[in-house]
Amino acid sequence: MKLLFDVDGVVADTRQALLDAAEIEKDPDPKQWDLVKTLSGDEKDRAIEVMNDHNFWVNLPLKDGAKKAIRLLRAAGHEIVWVTSPWKSCFGWDTARRIWIREHFGEDSVITTRDKYHVDGDVFIDDKVDNVEKWRKTHPGKKAFIFDAPSNQDYTGAPRFSWDKVEKLL
C-alpha cells in the first residue's frame, strides 16, 4: 500500500521543539492545533522568528516510536510518502524538510502542499482534522486516520492512530 504521512506533529515533535526554541515555558492551549495562534506579543514574534530559520526544521526531534514503526511498515512492503505543508516564510524550508526526512528515514519521497487532499494513496495519516476531513471526502473508500494529539480529541470522523498502534496498518 501507499501510505501518506504528515510530518509535523506526526513523525516530528514540532510543537514541543517550537516551545523550547522560542523559550515558551508552557503551551498556552494544547487543544488548539495552531500553536502560533495561541501566542501573543513577544512569544508569537519569537516563535515566528524560530520557524523562519531553516535550522529549526533540520533539527526537529522525532516522535517516540516513529522511526521504528516506519521501519516495520517498509519491511512489510508498504511505500511511504511524506505529505507536508510548507512554512512559506522560511527560506530553504523545502531543502531543510528533505534533509530531515533523509536523515531520519533514509529517503525523501516528499510532496509539499497545503492541499493534501490532492495527493492519492491508500492510507492518509495527519494530526489536523481539516486535512483528514478533506482527504476523506476526496478519496471515498480509502482509509484516513487522525494521528492522536491533544488538539483533535473531540474528533470522531476517522479512526485514531498512534505509533504504538502501527499494527493497524500492517
C-alpha atoms as a PDB file:
ATOM      1  CA  MET A   1       0.000   0.000   0.000  1.00  0.00           C
ATOM      2  CA  LYS A   2       0.970   3.614  -0.493  1.00  0.00           C
ATOM      3  CA  LEU A   3       0.897   5.266   2.945  1.00  0.00           C
ATOM      4  CA  LEU A   4       0.730   9.062   3.106  1.00  0.00           C
ATOM      5  CA  PHE A   5       2.094  10.602   6.289  1.00  0.00           C
ATOM      6  CA  ASP A   6       2.066  14.167   7.505  1.00  0.00           C
ATOM      7  CA  VAL A   7       5.353  15.193   9.138  1.00  0.00           C
ATOM      8  CA  ASP A   8       4.821  17.932  11.745  1.00  0.00           C
ATOM      9  CA  GLY A   9       3.001  16.560  14.756  1.00  0.00           C
ATOM     10  CA  VAL A  10       3.058  13.026  13.355  1.00  0.00           C
ATOM     11  CA  VAL A  11       6.714  11.985  12.977  1.00  0.00           C
ATOM     12  CA  ALA A  12       8.328  15.255  14.111  1.00  0.00           C
ATOM     13  CA  ASP A  13       7.648  16.724  17.547  1.00  0.00           C
ATOM     14  CA  THR A  14       7.374  20.209  16.081  1.00  0.00           C
ATOM     15  CA  ARG A  15       5.153  21.709  18.776  1.00  0.00           C
ATOM     16  CA  GLN A  16       7.444  20.907  21.698  1.00  0.00           C
ATOM     17  CA  ALA A  17      10.508  21.880  19.663  1.00  0.00           C
ATOM     18  CA  LEU A  18       8.952  25.271  18.938  1.00  0.00           C
ATOM     19  CA  LEU A  19       8.029  25.841  22.587  1.00  0.00           C
ATOM     20  CA  ASP A  20      11.606  25.000  23.583  1.00  0.00           C
ATOM     21  CA  ALA A  21      13.331  27.017  20.836  1.00  0.00           C
ATOM     22  CA  ALA A  22      11.157  30.105  21.412  1.00  0.00           C
ATOM     23  CA  GLU A  23      11.656  29.769  25.182  1.00  0.00           C
ATOM     24  CA  ILE A  24       7.945  29.493  25.917  1.00  0.00           C
ATOM     25  CA  GLU A  25       7.522  27.822  29.297  1.00  0.00           C
ATOM     26  CA  LYS A  26       4.001  26.469  28.929  1.00  0.00           C
ATOM     27  CA  ASP A  27       1.809  25.533  25.987  1.00  0.00           C
ATOM     28  CA  PRO A  28      -0.992  28.120  26.253  1.00  0.00           C
ATOM     29  CA  ASP A  29      -3.662  25.886  24.699  1.00  0.00           C
ATOM     30  CA  PRO A  30      -2.733  22.284  23.782  1.00  0.00           C
ATOM     31  CA  LYS A  31      -6.238  21.779  22.362  1.00  0.00           C
ATOM     32  CA  GLN A  32      -5.605  24.409  19.651  1.00  0.00           C
ATOM     33  CA  TRP A  33      -3.920  22.814  16.627  1.00  0.00           C
ATOM     34  CA  ASP A  34      -2.109  26.022  15.569  1.00  0.00           C
ATOM     35  CA  LEU A  35       0.267  26.872  18.405  1.00  0.00           C
ATOM     36  CA  VAL A  36       1.219  30.246  16.882  1.00  0.00           C
ATOM     37  CA  LYS A  37      -2.417  31.401  17.020  1.00  0.00           C
ATOM     38  CA  THR A  38      -2.427  30.821  20.772  1.00  0.00           C
ATOM     39  CA  LEU A  39       0.593  33.033  21.370  1.00  0.00           C
ATOM     40  CA  SER A  40       0.631  36.764  21.829  1.00  0.00           C
ATOM     41  CA  GLY A  41       3.130  39.577  21.639  1.00  0.00           C
ATOM     42  CA  ASP A  42       6.752  38.681  22.236  1.00  0.00           C
ATOM     43  CA  GLU A  43       6.130  34.916  22.344  1.00  0.00           C
ATOM     44  CA  LYS A  44       4.481  34.977  18.920  1.00  0.00           C
ATOM     45  CA  ASP A  45       7.320  37.081  17.473  1.00  0.00           C
ATOM     46  CA  ARG A  46       9.924  34.664  18.894  1.00  0.00           C
ATOM     47  CA  ALA A  47       8.066  31.627  17.544  1.00  0.00           C
ATOM     48  CA  ILE A  48       7.831  33.072  14.049  1.00  0.00           C
ATOM     49  CA  GLU A  49      11.495  34.054  14.119  1.00  0.00           C
ATOM     50  CA  VAL A  50      12.405  30.493  15.125  1.00  0.00           C
ATOM     51  CA  MET A  51      10.302  28.986  12.311  1.00  0.00           C
ATOM     52  CA  ASN A  52      11.805  31.340   9.753  1.00  0.00           C
ATOM     53  CA  ASP A  53      15.227  29.769  10.379  1.00  0.00           C
ATOM     54  CA  HIS A  54      15.761  26.631   8.282  1.00  0.00           C
ATOM     55  CA  ASN A  55      17.939  25.184  11.075  1.00  0.00           C
ATOM     56  CA  PHE A  56      14.828  24.784  13.229  1.00  0.00           C
ATOM     57  CA  TRP A  57      13.325  22.446  10.632  1.00  0.00           C
ATOM     58  CA  VAL A  58      16.540  20.435  10.175  1.00  0.00           C
ATOM     59  CA  ASN A  59      16.873  19.775  13.910  1.00  0.00           C
ATOM     60  CA  LEU A  60      13.357  18.695  14.874  1.00  0.00           C
ATOM     61  CA  PRO A  61      13.138  15.764  17.290  1.00  0.00           C
ATOM     62  CA  LEU A  62      11.351  12.588  16.276  1.00  0.00           C
ATOM     63  CA  LYS A  63       8.118  11.486  17.904  1.00  0.00           C
ATOM     64  CA  ASP A  64       8.636   8.448  20.107  1.00  0.00           C
ATOM     65  CA  GLY A  65       8.170   5.239  18.162  1.00  0.00           C
ATOM     66  CA  ALA A  66       8.002   6.859  14.710  1.00  0.00           C
ATOM     67  CA  LYS A  67      11.299   5.609  13.316  1.00  0.00           C
ATOM     68  CA  LYS A  68      10.753   2.008  14.418  1.00  0.00           C
ATOM     69  CA  ALA A  69       7.169   1.992  13.109  1.00  0.00           C
ATOM     70  CA  ILE A  70       8.174   3.359   9.701  1.00  0.00           C
ATOM     71  CA  ARG A  71      10.880   0.691   9.505  1.00  0.00           C
ATOM     72  CA  LEU A  72       8.250  -2.009  10.227  1.00  0.00           C
ATOM     73  CA  LEU A  73       5.881  -0.598   7.594  1.00  0.00           C
ATOM     74  CA  ARG A  74       8.614  -0.571   4.958  1.00  0.00           C
ATOM     75  CA  ALA A  75       9.684  -4.105   5.887  1.00  0.00           C
ATOM     76  CA  ALA A  76       6.075  -5.183   5.301  1.00  0.00           C
ATOM     77  CA  GLY A  77       6.364  -3.795   1.743  1.00  0.00           C
ATOM     78  CA  HIS A  78       4.490  -0.505   2.130  1.00  0.00           C
ATOM     79  CA  GLU A  79       5.528   2.624   0.256  1.00  0.00           C
ATOM     80  CA  ILE A  80       5.909   5.705   2.474  1.00  0.00           C
ATOM     81  CA  VAL A  81       5.204   9.166   1.057  1.00  0.00           C
ATOM     82  CA  TRP A  82       5.578  12.280   3.192  1.00  0.00           C
ATOM     83  CA  VAL A  83       2.860  14.863   2.531  1.00  0.00           C
ATOM     84  CA  THR A  84       3.758  18.094   4.278  1.00  0.00           C
ATOM     85  CA  SER A  85       2.690  21.735   4.379  1.00  0.00           C
ATOM     86  CA  PRO A  86       5.457  24.296   3.956  1.00  0.00           C
ATOM     87  CA  TRP A  87       6.420  27.157   6.229  1.00  0.00           C
ATOM     88  CA  LYS A  88       6.454  29.601   3.333  1.00  0.00           C
ATOM     89  CA  SER A  89       8.315  32.461   5.011  1.00  0.00           C
ATOM     90  CA  CYS A  90      11.336  30.261   5.759  1.00  0.00           C
ATOM     91  CA  PHE A  91      13.919  30.500   3.006  1.00  0.00           C
ATOM     92  CA  GLY A  92      15.265  26.980   2.490  1.00  0.00           C
ATOM     93  CA  TRP A  93      12.356  25.230   4.240  1.00  0.00           C
ATOM     94  CA  ASP A  94      11.868  22.622   1.491  1.00  0.00           C
ATOM     95  CA  THR A  95      15.538  21.648   1.491  1.00  0.00           C
ATOM     96  CA  ALA A  96      15.566  21.508   5.294  1.00  0.00           C
ATOM     97  CA  ARG A  97      12.492  19.254   5.313  1.00  0.00           C
ATOM     98  CA  ARG A  98      14.048  16.863   2.791  1.00  0.00           C
ATOM     99  CA  ILE A  99      17.328  16.751   4.733  1.00  0.00           C
ATOM    100  CA  TRP A 100      15.426  15.962   7.935  1.00  0.00           C
ATOM    101  CA  ILE A 101      13.430  13.150   6.329  1.00  0.00           C
ATOM    102  CA  ARG A 102      16.508  11.684   4.633  1.00  0.00           C
ATOM    103  CA  GLU A 103      18.460  11.809   7.907  1.00  0.00           C
ATOM    104  CA  HIS A 104      15.771  10.035   9.920  1.00  0.00           C
ATOM    105  CA  PHE A 105      14.163   7.757   7.344  1.00  0.00           C
ATOM    106  CA  GLY A 106      16.781   7.306   4.623  1.00  0.00           C
ATOM    107  CA  GLU A 107      14.768   8.735   1.755  1.00  0.00           C
ATOM    108  CA  ASP A 108      12.934  11.846   0.739  1.00  0.00           C
ATOM    109  CA  SER A 109       9.763  10.921  -1.110  1.00  0.00           C
ATOM    110  CA  VAL A 110       8.142  14.233  -0.221  1.00  0.00           C
ATOM    111  CA  ILE A 111       5.140  16.082  -1.582  1.00  0.00           C
ATOM    112  CA  THR A 112       4.894  19.643  -0.326  1.00  0.00           C
ATOM    113  CA  THR A 113       1.408  21.112  -0.454  1.00  0.00           C
ATOM    114  CA  ARG A 114      -1.146  22.842   1.720  1.00  0.00           C
ATOM    115  CA  ASP A 115      -3.861  20.965  -0.213  1.00  0.00           C
ATOM    116  CA  LYS A 116      -3.055  17.424   0.898  1.00  0.00           C
ATOM    117  CA  TYR A 117      -6.362  16.084  -0.374  1.00  0.00           C
ATOM    118  CA  HIS A 118      -4.933  16.280  -3.915  1.00  0.00           C
ATOM    119  CA  VAL A 119      -2.432  13.525  -3.101  1.00  0.00           C
ATOM    120  CA  ASP A 120      -3.636   9.993  -3.811  1.00  0.00           C
ATOM    121  CA  GLY A 121      -2.689   6.983  -1.749  1.00  0.00           C
ATOM    122  CA  ASP A 122      -4.229   4.023   0.035  1.00  0.00           C
ATOM    123  CA  VAL A 123      -3.968   5.482   3.545  1.00  0.00           C
ATOM    124  CA  PHE A 124      -3.632   9.066   4.820  1.00  0.00           C
ATOM    125  CA  ILE A 125      -2.471   9.992   8.344  1.00  0.00           C
ATOM    126  CA  ASP A 126      -2.450  13.558   9.690  1.00  0.00           C
ATOM    127  CA  ASP A 127      -2.987  15.268  13.042  1.00  0.00           C
ATOM    128  CA  LYS A 128      -5.028  18.150  11.598  1.00  0.00           C
ATOM    129  CA  VAL A 129      -8.755  17.452  11.475  1.00  0.00           C
ATOM    130  CA  ASP A 130      -9.366  19.685   8.440  1.00  0.00           C
ATOM    131  CA  ASN A 131      -6.760  17.792   6.393  1.00  0.00           C
ATOM    132  CA  VAL A 132      -8.233  14.407   7.319  1.00  0.00           C
ATOM    133  CA  GLU A 133     -11.782  15.547   6.518  1.00  0.00           C
ATOM    134  CA  LYS A 134     -10.867  16.969   3.103  1.00  0.00           C
ATOM    135  CA  TRP A 135      -8.824  13.876   2.202  1.00  0.00           C
ATOM    136  CA  ARG A 136     -11.649  11.515   3.246  1.00  0.00           C
ATOM    137  CA  LYS A 137     -14.180  13.418   1.113  1.00  0.00           C
ATOM    138  CA  THR A 138     -11.880  13.390  -1.917  1.00  0.00           C
ATOM    139  CA  HIS A 139     -10.915   9.712  -1.536  1.00  0.00           C
ATOM    140  CA  PRO A 140     -14.065   7.807  -0.535  1.00  0.00           C
ATOM    141  CA  GLY A 141     -13.465   4.164   0.183  1.00  0.00           C
ATOM    142  CA  LYS A 142      -9.848   4.732   1.202  1.00  0.00           C
ATOM    143  CA  LYS A 143      -8.545   4.845   4.757  1.00  0.00           C
ATOM    144  CA  ALA A 144      -7.776   8.035   6.659  1.00  0.00           C
ATOM    145  CA  PHE A 145      -6.578   8.155  10.254  1.00  0.00           C
ATOM    146  CA  ILE A 146      -6.284  11.055  12.669  1.00  0.00           C
ATOM    147  CA  PHE A 147      -2.940  10.995  14.454  1.00  0.00           C
ATOM    148  CA  ASP A 148      -3.775  11.163  18.139  1.00  0.00           C
ATOM    149  CA  ALA A 149      -2.992  14.605  19.601  1.00  0.00           C
ATOM    150  CA  PRO A 150      -4.451  16.886  22.298  1.00  0.00           C
ATOM    151  CA  SER A 151      -5.746  19.209  19.577  1.00  0.00           C
ATOM    152  CA  ASN A 152      -8.038  16.607  17.994  1.00  0.00           C
ATOM    153  CA  GLN A 153      -9.518  14.728  20.962  1.00  0.00           C
ATOM    154  CA  ASP A 154     -13.089  15.763  20.109  1.00  0.00           C
ATOM    155  CA  TYR A 155     -12.846  14.496  16.521  1.00  0.00           C
ATOM    156  CA  THR A 156     -14.621  11.205  15.812  1.00  0.00           C
ATOM    157  CA  GLY A 157     -14.730  11.269  11.997  1.00  0.00           C
ATOM    158  CA  ALA A 158     -11.791   8.899  11.463  1.00  0.00           C
ATOM    159  CA  PRO A 159     -10.064   6.160  13.460  1.00  0.00           C
ATOM    160  CA  ARG A 160      -7.228   7.254  15.763  1.00  0.00           C
ATOM    161  CA  PHE A 161      -3.645   6.321  15.040  1.00  0.00           C
ATOM    162  CA  SER A 162      -0.503   6.477  17.144  1.00  0.00           C
ATOM    163  CA  TRP A 163       2.910   4.880  16.720  1.00  0.00           C
ATOM    164  CA  ASP A 164       2.196   2.234  19.335  1.00  0.00           C
ATOM    165  CA  LYS A 165      -0.731   1.063  17.159  1.00  0.00           C
ATOM    166  CA  VAL A 166       1.211   0.602  13.930  1.00  0.00           C
ATOM    167  CA  GLU A 167      -0.231  -2.909  13.579  1.00  0.00           C
ATOM    168  CA  LYS A 168      -3.425  -1.231  12.305  1.00  0.00           C
ATOM    169  CA  LEU A 169      -1.530  -0.621   9.071  1.00  0.00           C
ATOM    170  CA  LEU A 170       0.270  -3.964   8.837  1.00  0.00           C
END
